[in-house]
Amino acid sequence: MNLTAVMITVDCAEPQELARWWATALGGQIAQDHGDFVIVKAEPVALGFQRVAEARRGKNRVHVDFAAAPGTSLTVEVARLVALGASVVGEHSVPGLTWTVLQDPAGNEFCVH
């Protein structure tokens, strides 16, 4: 393979605000702030937040899945994210995997399992 993933970029109205939220949620830090584009470095992923004029419509076409840290239950991690300002969209389960779909404060969906 010739490609390496370096960052996932999220279109949003307020990149600094959303970047701060994700930096806190992921235990990362804002690495670069270019006004309309902000980068958060966190392990194992970097997230970019890019200002766009139009509002998001409908369900995300791409979303990020996160795993709760070893030794941390899904319930505890979801409660922590909700306390930070996320909202729960739904809970799902298939044999061997249970996950929760959440939205960040800007309405972008992500999953935690």
PDB file of N, CA and C in Angstrom:
ATOM      1  N   MET A   1       0.844  -1.173   0.000  1.00  0.00           N
ATOM      2  CA  MET A   1       0.000   0.000   0.000  1.00  0.00           C
ATOM      3  C   MET A   1       0.890   1.236   0.000  1.00  0.00           C
ATOM      4  N   ASN A   2       0.464   2.267  -0.696  1.00  0.00           N
ATOM      5  CA  ASN A   2       1.250   3.484  -0.819  1.00  0.00           C
ATOM      6  C   ASN A   2       0.677   4.655  -0.041  1.00  0.00           C
ATOM      7  N   LEU A   3      -0.402   4.451   0.687  1.00  0.00           N
ATOM      8  CA  LEU A   3      -1.033   5.531   1.447  1.00  0.00           C
ATOM      9  C   LEU A   3      -0.866   5.316   2.941  1.00  0.00           C
ATOM     10  N   THR A   4      -0.690   6.408   3.663  1.00  0.00           N
ATOM     11  CA  THR A   4      -0.633   6.373   5.117  1.00  0.00           C
ATOM     12  C   THR A   4      -1.613   7.407   5.645  1.00  0.00           C
ATOM     13  N   ALA A   5      -2.493   7.005   6.533  1.00  0.00           N
ATOM     14  CA  ALA A   5      -3.447   7.949   7.122  1.00  0.00           C
ATOM     15  C   ALA A   5      -2.700   8.878   8.068  1.00  0.00           C
ATOM     16  N   VAL A   6      -2.884  10.178   7.888  1.00  0.00           N
ATOM     17  CA  VAL A   6      -2.211  11.137   8.752  1.00  0.00           C
ATOM     18  C   VAL A   6      -3.189  11.992   9.544  1.00  0.00           C
ATOM     19  N   MET A   7      -4.429  12.164   9.008  1.00  0.00           N
ATOM     20  CA  MET A   7      -5.372  13.024   9.706  1.00  0.00           C
ATOM     21  C   MET A   7      -6.769  12.803   9.129  1.00  0.00           C
ATOM     22  N   ILE A   8      -7.763  12.978   9.975  1.00  0.00           N
ATOM     23  CA  ILE A   8      -9.162  13.000   9.566  1.00  0.00           C
ATOM     24  C   ILE A   8      -9.623  14.434   9.732  1.00  0.00           C
ATOM     25  N   THR A   9     -10.228  15.010   8.687  1.00  0.00           N
ATOM     26  CA  THR A   9     -10.649  16.403   8.724  1.00  0.00           C
ATOM     27  C   THR A   9     -12.169  16.496   8.803  1.00  0.00           C
ATOM     28  N   VAL A  10     -12.642  17.377   9.691  1.00  0.00           N
ATOM     29  CA  VAL A  10     -14.065  17.587   9.918  1.00  0.00           C
ATOM     30  C   VAL A  10     -14.417  19.001   9.477  1.00  0.00           C
ATOM     31  N   ASP A  11     -15.398  19.124   8.599  1.00  0.00           N
ATOM     32  CA  ASP A  11     -15.912  20.441   8.227  1.00  0.00           C
ATOM     33  C   ASP A  11     -16.802  20.940   9.361  1.00  0.00           C
ATOM     34  N   CYS A  12     -16.690  22.222   9.701  1.00  0.00           N
ATOM     35  CA  CYS A  12     -17.471  22.764  10.807  1.00  0.00           C
ATOM     36  C   CYS A  12     -17.563  24.282  10.696  1.00  0.00           C
ATOM     37  N   ALA A  13     -18.418  24.880  11.497  1.00  0.00           N
ATOM     38  CA  ALA A  13     -18.601  26.332  11.489  1.00  0.00           C
ATOM     39  C   ALA A  13     -17.589  27.039  12.375  1.00  0.00           C
ATOM     40  N   GLU A  14     -17.213  26.425  13.493  1.00  0.00           N
ATOM     41  CA  GLU A  14     -16.319  27.046  14.483  1.00  0.00           C
ATOM     42  C   GLU A  14     -15.151  26.113  14.803  1.00  0.00           C
ATOM     43  N   PRO A  15     -14.098  26.132  13.985  1.00  0.00           N
ATOM     44  CA  PRO A  15     -13.020  25.163  14.169  1.00  0.00           C
ATOM     45  C   PRO A  15     -12.293  25.239  15.509  1.00  0.00           C
ATOM     46  N   GLN A  16     -12.054  26.439  16.045  1.00  0.00           N
ATOM     47  CA  GLN A  16     -11.342  26.529  17.327  1.00  0.00           C
ATOM     48  C   GLN A  16     -12.169  25.900  18.448  1.00  0.00           C
ATOM     49  N   GLU A  17     -13.448  26.215  18.478  1.00  0.00           N
ATOM     50  CA  GLU A  17     -14.328  25.686  19.522  1.00  0.00           C
ATOM     51  C   GLU A  17     -14.417  24.172  19.458  1.00  0.00           C
ATOM     52  N   LEU A  18     -14.634  23.636  18.268  1.00  0.00           N
ATOM     53  CA  LEU A  18     -14.754  22.192  18.132  1.00  0.00           C
ATOM     54  C   LEU A  18     -13.411  21.504  18.389  1.00  0.00           C
ATOM     55  N   ALA A  19     -12.324  22.107  17.947  1.00  0.00           N
ATOM     56  CA  ALA A  19     -10.992  21.537  18.198  1.00  0.00           C
ATOM     57  C   ALA A  19     -10.705  21.466  19.696  1.00  0.00           C
ATOM     58  N   ARG A  20     -11.067  22.516  20.437  1.00  0.00           N
ATOM     59  CA  ARG A  20     -10.859  22.483  21.895  1.00  0.00           C
ATOM     60  C   ARG A  20     -11.640  21.334  22.526  1.00  0.00           C
ATOM     61  N   TRP A  21     -12.891  21.152  22.080  1.00  0.00           N
ATOM     62  CA  TRP A  21     -13.707  20.067  22.640  1.00  0.00           C
ATOM     63  C   TRP A  21     -13.048  18.718  22.369  1.00  0.00           C
ATOM     64  N   TRP A  22     -12.637  18.482  21.119  1.00  0.00           N
ATOM     65  CA  TRP A  22     -12.029  17.199  20.783  1.00  0.00           C
ATOM     66  C   TRP A  22     -10.680  17.016  21.461  1.00  0.00           C
ATOM     67  N   ALA A  23      -9.904  18.062  21.623  1.00  0.00           N
ATOM     68  CA  ALA A  23      -8.625  17.943  22.338  1.00  0.00           C
ATOM     69  C   ALA A  23      -8.872  17.460  23.757  1.00  0.00           C
ATOM     70  N   THR A  24      -9.884  18.012  24.408  1.00  0.00           N
ATOM     71  CA  THR A  24     -10.235  17.576  25.763  1.00  0.00           C
ATOM     72  C   THR A  24     -10.747  16.144  25.753  1.00  0.00           C
ATOM     73  N   ALA A  25     -11.643  15.829  24.829  1.00  0.00           N
ATOM     74  CA  ALA A  25     -12.240  14.491  24.767  1.00  0.00           C
ATOM     75  C   ALA A  25     -11.200  13.404  24.521  1.00  0.00           C
ATOM     76  N   LEU A  26     -10.186  13.708  23.705  1.00  0.00           N
ATOM     77  CA  LEU A  26      -9.173  12.715  23.352  1.00  0.00           C
ATOM     78  C   LEU A  26      -7.913  12.798  24.195  1.00  0.00           C
ATOM     79  N   GLY A  27      -7.848  13.780  25.098  1.00  0.00           N
ATOM     80  CA  GLY A  27      -6.626  13.950  25.881  1.00  0.00           C
ATOM     81  C   GLY A  27      -5.470  14.409  25.011  1.00  0.00           C
ATOM     82  N   GLY A  28      -5.790  15.150  23.969  1.00  0.00           N
ATOM     83  CA  GLY A  28      -4.763  15.641  23.052  1.00  0.00           C
ATOM     84  C   GLY A  28      -4.529  17.124  23.238  1.00  0.00           C
ATOM     85  N   GLN A  29      -3.970  17.744  22.211  1.00  0.00           N
ATOM     86  CA  GLN A  29      -3.696  19.180  22.288  1.00  0.00           C
ATOM     87  C   GLN A  29      -3.824  19.799  20.907  1.00  0.00           C
ATOM     88  N   ILE A  30      -4.110  21.083  20.892  1.00  0.00           N
ATOM     89  CA  ILE A  30      -4.138  21.803  19.624  1.00  0.00           C
ATOM     90  C   ILE A  30      -2.688  21.994  19.193  1.00  0.00           C
ATOM     91  N   ALA A  31      -2.361  21.422  18.044  1.00  0.00           N
ATOM     92  CA  ALA A  31      -0.988  21.460  17.544  1.00  0.00           C
ATOM     93  C   ALA A  31      -0.765  22.639  16.619  1.00  0.00           C
ATOM     94  N   GLN A  32      -1.795  23.016  15.869  1.00  0.00           N
ATOM     95  CA  GLN A  32      -1.687  24.133  14.934  1.00  0.00           C
ATOM     96  C   GLN A  32      -3.034  24.822  14.835  1.00  0.00           C
ATOM     97  N   ASP A  33      -3.008  26.154  14.783  1.00  0.00           N
ATOM     98  CA  ASP A  33      -4.222  26.938  14.603  1.00  0.00           C
ATOM     99  C   ASP A  33      -3.963  27.953  13.504  1.00  0.00           C
ATOM    100  N   HIS A  34      -4.596  27.726  12.366  1.00  0.00           N
ATOM    101  CA  HIS A  34      -4.429  28.596  11.205  1.00  0.00           C
ATOM    102  C   HIS A  34      -5.697  29.413  10.953  1.00  0.00           C
ATOM    103  N   GLY A  35      -6.482  29.635  12.002  1.00  0.00           N
ATOM    104  CA  GLY A  35      -7.716  30.401  11.861  1.00  0.00           C
ATOM    105  C   GLY A  35      -8.858  29.549  11.350  1.00  0.00           C
ATOM    106  N   ASP A  36      -8.893  29.316  10.048  1.00  0.00           N
ATOM    107  CA  ASP A  36      -9.965  28.521   9.456  1.00  0.00           C
ATOM    108  C   ASP A  36      -9.657  27.027   9.440  1.00  0.00           C
ATOM    109  N   PHE A  37      -8.488  26.646   9.946  1.00  0.00           N
ATOM    110  CA  PHE A  37      -8.101  25.239   9.992  1.00  0.00           C
ATOM    111  C   PHE A  37      -7.269  24.996  11.247  1.00  0.00           C
ATOM    112  N   VAL A  38      -7.744  24.091  12.084  1.00  0.00           N
ATOM    113  CA  VAL A  38      -7.092  23.802  13.368  1.00  0.00           C
ATOM    114  C   VAL A  38      -6.805  22.307  13.431  1.00  0.00           C
ATOM    115  N   ILE A  39      -5.629  21.944  13.900  1.00  0.00           N
ATOM    116  CA  ILE A  39      -5.241  20.538  14.007  1.00  0.00           C
ATOM    117  C   ILE A  39      -5.076  20.148  15.466  1.00  0.00           C
ATOM    118  N   VAL A  40      -5.718  19.040  15.831  1.00  0.00           N
ATOM    119  CA  VAL A  40      -5.591  18.450  17.161  1.00  0.00           C
ATOM    120  C   VAL A  40      -4.768  17.178  17.021  1.00  0.00           C
ATOM    121  N   LYS A  41      -3.720  17.079  17.805  1.00  0.00           N
ATOM    122  CA  LYS A  41      -2.905  15.862  17.847  1.00  0.00           C
ATOM    123  C   LYS A  41      -3.313  15.064  19.080  1.00  0.00           C
ATOM    124  N   ALA A  42      -3.666  13.826  18.850  1.00  0.00           N
ATOM    125  CA  ALA A  42      -4.013  12.912  19.930  1.00  0.00           C
ATOM    126  C   ALA A  42      -3.673  11.508  19.446  1.00  0.00           C
ATOM    127  N   GLU A  43      -3.340  10.656  20.343  1.00  0.00           N
ATOM    128  CA  GLU A  43      -3.054   9.276  19.955  1.00  0.00           C
ATOM    129  C   GLU A  43      -4.355   8.503  19.924  1.00  0.00           C
ATOM    130  N   PRO A  44      -4.614   7.762  18.907  1.00  0.00           N
ATOM    131  CA  PRO A  44      -3.744   7.423  17.783  1.00  0.00           C
ATOM    132  C   PRO A  44      -4.051   8.219  16.518  1.00  0.00           C
ATOM    133  N   VAL A  45      -4.760   9.341  16.637  1.00  0.00           N
ATOM    134  CA  VAL A  45      -5.227  10.026  15.433  1.00  0.00           C
ATOM    135  C   VAL A  45      -5.038  11.539  15.551  1.00  0.00           C
ATOM    136  N   ALA A  46      -4.827  12.174  14.420  1.00  0.00           N
ATOM    137  CA  ALA A  46      -4.862  13.641  14.368  1.00  0.00           C
ATOM    138  C   ALA A  46      -6.182  14.023  13.708  1.00  0.00           C
ATOM    139  N   LEU A  47      -6.809  15.038  14.238  1.00  0.00           N
ATOM    140  CA  LEU A  47      -8.057  15.530  13.667  1.00  0.00           C
ATOM    141  C   LEU A  47      -7.864  16.967  13.206  1.00  0.00           C
ATOM    142  N   GLY A  48      -8.354  17.268  12.019  1.00  0.00           N
ATOM    143  CA  GLY A  48      -8.341  18.626  11.511  1.00  0.00           C
ATOM    144  C   GLY A  48      -9.758  19.171  11.529  1.00  0.00           C
ATOM    145  N   PHE A  49      -9.901  20.452  11.816  1.00  0.00           N
ATOM    146  CA  PHE A  49     -11.210  21.099  11.847  1.00  0.00           C
ATOM    147  C   PHE A  49     -11.151  22.286  10.909  1.00  0.00           C
ATOM    148  N   GLN A  50     -11.956  22.220   9.860  1.00  0.00           N
ATOM    149  CA  GLN A  50     -11.902  23.186   8.777  1.00  0.00           C
ATOM    150  C   GLN A  50     -13.211  23.963   8.707  1.00  0.00           C
ATOM    151  N   ARG A  51     -13.102  25.292   8.710  1.00  0.00           N
ATOM    152  CA  ARG A  51     -14.292  26.137   8.632  1.00  0.00           C
ATOM    153  C   ARG A  51     -14.922  26.037   7.244  1.00  0.00           C
ATOM    154  N   VAL A  52     -16.226  25.805   7.229  1.00  0.00           N
ATOM    155  CA  VAL A  52     -17.011  25.837   6.001  1.00  0.00           C
ATOM    156  C   VAL A  52     -18.252  26.681   6.253  1.00  0.00           C
ATOM    157  N   ALA A  53     -18.782  27.268   5.203  1.00  0.00           N
ATOM    158  CA  ALA A  53     -19.935  28.169   5.342  1.00  0.00           C
ATOM    159  C   ALA A  53     -21.249  27.416   5.504  1.00  0.00           C
ATOM    160  N   GLU A  54     -21.391  26.290   4.829  1.00  0.00           N
ATOM    161  CA  GLU A  54     -22.670  25.591   4.855  1.00  0.00           C
ATOM    162  C   GLU A  54     -22.787  24.676   6.066  1.00  0.00           C
ATOM    163  N   ALA A  55     -24.009  24.521   6.549  1.00  0.00           N
ATOM    164  CA  ALA A  55     -24.288  23.638   7.690  1.00  0.00           C
ATOM    165  C   ALA A  55     -24.335  22.190   7.218  1.00  0.00           C
ATOM    166  N   ARG A  56     -24.025  21.288   8.138  1.00  0.00           N
ATOM    167  CA  ARG A  56     -24.118  19.860   7.840  1.00  0.00           C
ATOM    168  C   ARG A  56     -25.585  19.488   7.709  1.00  0.00           C
ATOM    169  N   ARG A  57     -25.893  18.654   6.744  1.00  0.00           N
ATOM    170  CA  ARG A  57     -27.264  18.176   6.558  1.00  0.00           C
ATOM    171  C   ARG A  57     -27.261  16.660   6.600  1.00  0.00           C
ATOM    172  N   GLY A  58     -28.162  16.098   7.371  1.00  0.00           N
ATOM    173  CA  GLY A  58     -28.284  14.648   7.406  1.00  0.00           C
ATOM    174  C   GLY A  58     -27.162  13.967   8.161  1.00  0.00           C
ATOM    175  N   LYS A  59     -27.106  12.672   8.004  1.00  0.00           N
ATOM    176  CA  LYS A  59     -26.125  11.839   8.697  1.00  0.00           C
ATOM    177  C   LYS A  59     -24.745  12.000   8.072  1.00  0.00           C
ATOM    178  N   ASN A  60     -23.718  11.919   8.929  1.00  0.00           N
ATOM    179  CA  ASN A  60     -22.334  11.934   8.430  1.00  0.00           C
ATOM    180  C   ASN A  60     -22.163  10.819   7.405  1.00  0.00           C
ATOM    181  N   ARG A  61     -21.396  11.080   6.376  1.00  0.00           N
ATOM    182  CA  ARG A  61     -21.073  10.036   5.408  1.00  0.00           C
ATOM    183  C   ARG A  61     -19.849   9.253   5.863  1.00  0.00           C
ATOM    184  N   VAL A  62     -19.028   9.848   6.715  1.00  0.00           N
ATOM    185  CA  VAL A  62     -17.858   9.192   7.305  1.00  0.00           C
ATOM    186  C   VAL A  62     -17.859   9.551   8.777  1.00  0.00           C
ATOM    187  N   HIS A  63     -17.510   8.595   9.618  1.00  0.00           N
ATOM    188  CA  HIS A  63     -17.376   8.903  11.039  1.00  0.00           C
ATOM    189  C   HIS A  63     -16.207   8.113  11.607  1.00  0.00           C
ATOM    190  N   VAL A  64     -15.764   8.514  12.787  1.00  0.00           N
ATOM    191  CA  VAL A  64     -14.632   7.875  13.443  1.00  0.00           C
ATOM    192  C   VAL A  64     -15.155   6.973  14.546  1.00  0.00           C
ATOM    193  N   ASP A  65     -14.570   5.792  14.664  1.00  0.00           N
ATOM    194  CA  ASP A  65     -14.870   4.874  15.760  1.00  0.00           C
ATOM    195  C   ASP A  65     -13.679   4.893  16.720  1.00  0.00           C
ATOM    196  N   PHE A  66     -13.983   5.000  18.001  1.00  0.00           N
ATOM    197  CA  PHE A  66     -12.963   4.989  19.042  1.00  0.00           C
ATOM    198  C   PHE A  66     -13.209   3.806  19.959  1.00  0.00           C
ATOM    199  N   ALA A  67     -12.142   3.253  20.499  1.00  0.00           N
ATOM    200  CA  ALA A  67     -12.248   2.193  21.494  1.00  0.00           C
ATOM    201  C   ALA A  67     -11.967   2.802  22.865  1.00  0.00           C
ATOM    202  N   ALA A  68     -12.759   2.423  23.842  1.00  0.00           N
ATOM    203  CA  ALA A  68     -12.479   2.841  25.218  1.00  0.00           C
ATOM    204  C   ALA A  68     -11.126   2.269  25.617  1.00  0.00           C
ATOM    205  N   ALA A  69     -10.389   3.014  26.417  1.00  0.00           N
ATOM    206  CA  ALA A  69      -9.065   2.566  26.857  1.00  0.00           C
ATOM    207  C   ALA A  69      -9.176   1.232  27.594  1.00  0.00           C
ATOM    208  N   PRO A  70      -8.157   0.399  27.475  1.00  0.00           N
ATOM    209  CA  PRO A  70      -8.179  -0.874  28.206  1.00  0.00           C
ATOM    210  C   PRO A  70      -8.458  -0.636  29.692  1.00  0.00           C
ATOM    211  N   GLY A  71      -9.360  -1.408  30.229  1.00  0.00           N
ATOM    212  CA  GLY A  71      -9.721  -1.272  31.636  1.00  0.00           C
ATOM    213  C   GLY A  71     -10.818  -0.258  31.899  1.00  0.00           C
ATOM    214  N   THR A  72     -11.257   0.469  30.858  1.00  0.00           N
ATOM    215  CA  THR A  72     -12.340   1.445  31.002  1.00  0.00           C
ATOM    216  C   THR A  72     -13.578   0.878  30.330  1.00  0.00           C
ATOM    217  N   SER A  73     -14.679   0.860  31.050  1.00  0.00           N
ATOM    218  CA  SER A  73     -15.899   0.314  30.471  1.00  0.00           C
ATOM    219  C   SER A  73     -16.509   1.303  29.481  1.00  0.00           C
ATOM    220  N   LEU A  74     -17.268   0.773  28.554  1.00  0.00           N
ATOM    221  CA  LEU A  74     -17.974   1.598  27.577  1.00  0.00           C
ATOM    222  C   LEU A  74     -18.890   2.582  28.298  1.00  0.00           C
ATOM    223  N   THR A  75     -19.582   2.121  29.323  1.00  0.00           N
ATOM    224  CA  THR A  75     -20.507   2.980  30.079  1.00  0.00           C
ATOM    225  C   THR A  75     -19.778   4.163  30.701  1.00  0.00           C
ATOM    226  N   VAL A  76     -18.622   3.927  31.290  1.00  0.00           N
ATOM    227  CA  VAL A  76     -17.849   4.994  31.937  1.00  0.00           C
ATOM    228  C   VAL A  76     -17.354   5.987  30.891  1.00  0.00           C
ATOM    229  N   GLU A  77     -16.862   5.491  29.767  1.00  0.00           N
ATOM    230  CA  GLU A  77     -16.341   6.382  28.727  1.00  0.00           C
ATOM    231  C   GLU A  77     -17.454   7.217  28.104  1.00  0.00           C
ATOM    232  N   VAL A  78     -18.591   6.620  27.832  1.00  0.00           N
ATOM    233  CA  VAL A  78     -19.724   7.370  27.273  1.00  0.00           C
ATOM    234  C   VAL A  78     -20.172   8.435  28.264  1.00  0.00           C
ATOM    235  N   ALA A  79     -20.246   8.104  29.540  1.00  0.00           N
ATOM    236  CA  ALA A  79     -20.646   9.083  30.562  1.00  0.00           C
ATOM    237  C   ALA A  79     -19.660  10.254  30.611  1.00  0.00           C
ATOM    238  N   ARG A  80     -18.368   9.975  30.463  1.00  0.00           N
ATOM    239  CA  ARG A  80     -17.358  11.040  30.463  1.00  0.00           C
ATOM    240  C   ARG A  80     -17.559  11.972  29.277  1.00  0.00           C
ATOM    241  N   LEU A  81     -17.799  11.400  28.101  1.00  0.00           N
ATOM    242  CA  LEU A  81     -17.995  12.215  26.899  1.00  0.00           C
ATOM    243  C   LEU A  81     -19.282  13.035  26.981  1.00  0.00           C
ATOM    244  N   VAL A  82     -20.332  12.451  27.530  1.00  0.00           N
ATOM    245  CA  VAL A  82     -21.592  13.188  27.713  1.00  0.00           C
ATOM    246  C   VAL A  82     -21.388  14.343  28.690  1.00  0.00           C
ATOM    247  N   ALA A  83     -20.627  14.114  29.752  1.00  0.00           N
ATOM    248  CA  ALA A  83     -20.346  15.190  30.713  1.00  0.00           C
ATOM    249  C   ALA A  83     -19.575  16.331  30.054  1.00  0.00           C
ATOM    250  N   LEU A  84     -18.794  16.028  29.004  1.00  0.00           N
ATOM    251  CA  LEU A  84     -18.050  17.057  28.281  1.00  0.00           C
ATOM    252  C   LEU A  84     -18.923  17.802  27.268  1.00  0.00           C
ATOM    253  N   GLY A  85     -20.101  17.241  26.940  1.00  0.00           N
ATOM    254  CA  GLY A  85     -20.991  17.917  26.006  1.00  0.00           C
ATOM    255  C   GLY A  85     -21.447  17.091  24.821  1.00  0.00           C
ATOM    256  N   ALA A  86     -21.037  15.829  24.746  1.00  0.00           N
ATOM    257  CA  ALA A  86     -21.529  14.952  23.675  1.00  0.00           C
ATOM    258  C   ALA A  86     -22.953  14.523  23.999  1.00  0.00           C
ATOM    259  N   SER A  87     -23.657  14.042  23.002  1.00  0.00           N
ATOM    260  CA  SER A  87     -24.994  13.490  23.239  1.00  0.00           C
ATOM    261  C   SER A  87     -25.078  12.098  22.626  1.00  0.00           C
ATOM    262  N   VAL A  88     -25.822  11.228  23.276  1.00  0.00           N
ATOM    263  CA  VAL A  88     -25.985   9.849  22.819  1.00  0.00           C
ATOM    264  C   VAL A  88     -27.068   9.801  21.743  1.00  0.00           C
ATOM    265  N   VAL A  89     -26.742   9.159  20.629  1.00  0.00           N
ATOM    266  CA  VAL A  89     -27.688   8.987  19.527  1.00  0.00           C
ATOM    267  C   VAL A  89     -28.321   7.606  19.597  1.00  0.00           C
ATOM    268  N   GLY A  90     -27.522   6.598  19.929  1.00  0.00           N
ATOM    269  CA  GLY A  90     -28.051   5.238  19.984  1.00  0.00           C
ATOM    270  C   GLY A  90     -27.024   4.264  20.502  1.00  0.00           C
ATOM    271  N   GLU A  91     -27.517   3.100  20.869  1.00  0.00           N
ATOM    272  CA  GLU A  91     -26.653   2.013  21.332  1.00  0.00           C
ATOM    273  C   GLU A  91     -26.943   0.797  20.478  1.00  0.00           C
ATOM    274  N   HIS A  92     -25.874   0.077  20.101  1.00  0.00           N
ATOM    275  CA  HIS A  92     -26.020  -1.054  19.187  1.00  0.00           C
ATOM    276  C   HIS A  92     -25.166  -2.219  19.671  1.00  0.00           C
ATOM    277  N   SER A  93     -25.559  -3.405  19.247  1.00  0.00           N
ATOM    278  CA  SER A  93     -24.815  -4.591  19.634  1.00  0.00           C
ATOM    279  C   SER A  93     -24.995  -5.673  18.578  1.00  0.00           C
ATOM    280  N   VAL A  94     -23.902  -6.337  18.270  1.00  0.00           N
ATOM    281  CA  VAL A  94     -23.899  -7.544  17.466  1.00  0.00           C
ATOM    282  C   VAL A  94     -23.066  -8.546  18.255  1.00  0.00           C
ATOM    283  N   PRO A  95     -23.145  -9.820  17.949  1.00  0.00           N
ATOM    284  CA  PRO A  95     -22.354 -10.772  18.716  1.00  0.00           C
ATOM    285  C   PRO A  95     -20.878 -10.379  18.767  1.00  0.00           C
ATOM    286  N   GLY A  96     -20.372 -10.163  19.968  1.00  0.00           N
ATOM    287  CA  GLY A  96     -18.968  -9.837  20.174  1.00  0.00           C
ATOM    288  C   GLY A  96     -18.631  -8.356  20.135  1.00  0.00           C
ATOM    289  N   LEU A  97     -19.595  -7.475  19.866  1.00  0.00           N
ATOM    290  CA  LEU A  97     -19.294  -6.052  19.797  1.00  0.00           C
ATOM    291  C   LEU A  97     -20.507  -5.225  20.206  1.00  0.00           C
ATOM    292  N   THR A  98     -20.278  -4.305  21.118  1.00  0.00           N
ATOM    293  CA  THR A  98     -21.297  -3.342  21.542  1.00  0.00           C
ATOM    294  C   THR A  98     -20.704  -1.956  21.376  1.00  0.00           C
ATOM    295  N   TRP A  99     -21.483  -1.006  20.833  1.00  0.00           N
ATOM    296  CA  TRP A  99     -20.992   0.350  20.646  1.00  0.00           C
ATOM    297  C   TRP A  99     -22.106   1.360  20.859  1.00  0.00           C
ATOM    298  N   THR A 100     -21.667   2.583  21.133  1.00  0.00           N
ATOM    299  CA  THR A 100     -22.588   3.703  21.316  1.00  0.00           C
ATOM    300  C   THR A 100     -22.272   4.747  20.261  1.00  0.00           C
ATOM    301  N   VAL A 101     -23.314   5.241  19.608  1.00  0.00           N
ATOM    302  CA  VAL A 101     -23.176   6.334  18.653  1.00  0.00           C
ATOM    303  C   VAL A 101     -23.440   7.628  19.421  1.00  0.00           C
ATOM    304  N   LEU A 102     -22.528   8.588  19.283  1.00  0.00           N
ATOM    305  CA  LEU A 102     -22.666   9.883  19.944  1.00  0.00           C
ATOM    306  C   LEU A 102     -22.554  10.999  18.915  1.00  0.00           C
ATOM    307  N   GLN A 103     -22.882  12.214  19.339  1.00  0.00           N
ATOM    308  CA  GLN A 103     -22.634  13.409  18.547  1.00  0.00           C
ATOM    309  C   GLN A 103     -21.785  14.355  19.372  1.00  0.00           C
ATOM    310  N   ASP A 104     -20.801  14.986  18.710  1.00  0.00           N
ATOM    311  CA  ASP A 104     -20.042  16.029  19.388  1.00  0.00           C
ATOM    312  C   ASP A 104     -20.915  17.285  19.483  1.00  0.00           C
ATOM    313  N   PRO A 105     -20.467  18.346  20.125  1.00  0.00           N
ATOM    314  CA  PRO A 105     -21.303  19.538  20.284  1.00  0.00           C
ATOM    315  C   PRO A 105     -21.760  20.165  18.961  1.00  0.00           C
ATOM    316  N   ALA A 106     -21.079  19.883  17.861  1.00  0.00           N
ATOM    317  CA  ALA A 106     -21.493  20.423  16.557  1.00  0.00           C
ATOM    318  C   ALA A 106     -22.401  19.468  15.790  1.00  0.00           C
ATOM    319  N   GLY A 107     -22.714  18.319  16.387  1.00  0.00           N
ATOM    320  CA  GLY A 107     -23.613  17.374  15.748  1.00  0.00           C
ATOM    321  C   GLY A 107     -22.942  16.312  14.899  1.00  0.00           C
ATOM    322  N   ASN A 108     -21.612  16.231  14.903  1.00  0.00           N
ATOM    323  CA  ASN A 108     -20.898  15.205  14.141  1.00  0.00           C
ATOM    324  C   ASN A 108     -20.954  13.892  14.889  1.00  0.00           C
ATOM    325  N   GLU A 109     -21.363  12.847  14.196  1.00  0.00           N
ATOM    326  CA  GLU A 109     -21.487  11.542  14.838  1.00  0.00           C
ATOM    327  C   GLU A 109     -20.137  10.819  14.903  1.00  0.00           C
ATOM    328  N   PHE A 110     -19.962  10.074  15.999  1.00  0.00           N
ATOM    329  CA  PHE A 110     -18.801   9.200  16.178  1.00  0.00           C
ATOM    330  C   PHE A 110     -19.238   8.041  17.053  1.00  0.00           C
ATOM    331  N   CYS A 111     -18.471   6.978  17.044  1.00  0.00           N
ATOM    332  CA  CYS A 111     -18.826   5.791  17.825  1.00  0.00           C
ATOM    333  C   CYS A 111     -17.736   5.487  18.846  1.00  0.00           C
ATOM    334  N   VAL A 112     -18.166   4.881  19.949  1.00  0.00           N
ATOM    335  CA  VAL A 112     -17.246   4.386  20.968  1.00  0.00           C
ATOM    336  C   VAL A 112     -17.640   2.953  21.276  1.00  0.00           C
ATOM    337  N   HIS A 113     -16.644   2.085  21.267  1.00  0.00           N
ATOM    338  CA  HIS A 113     -16.905   0.684  21.642  1.00  0.00           C
ATOM    339  C   HIS A 113     -15.926   0.233  22.691  1.00  0.00           C
TER     340      HIS A 113
END
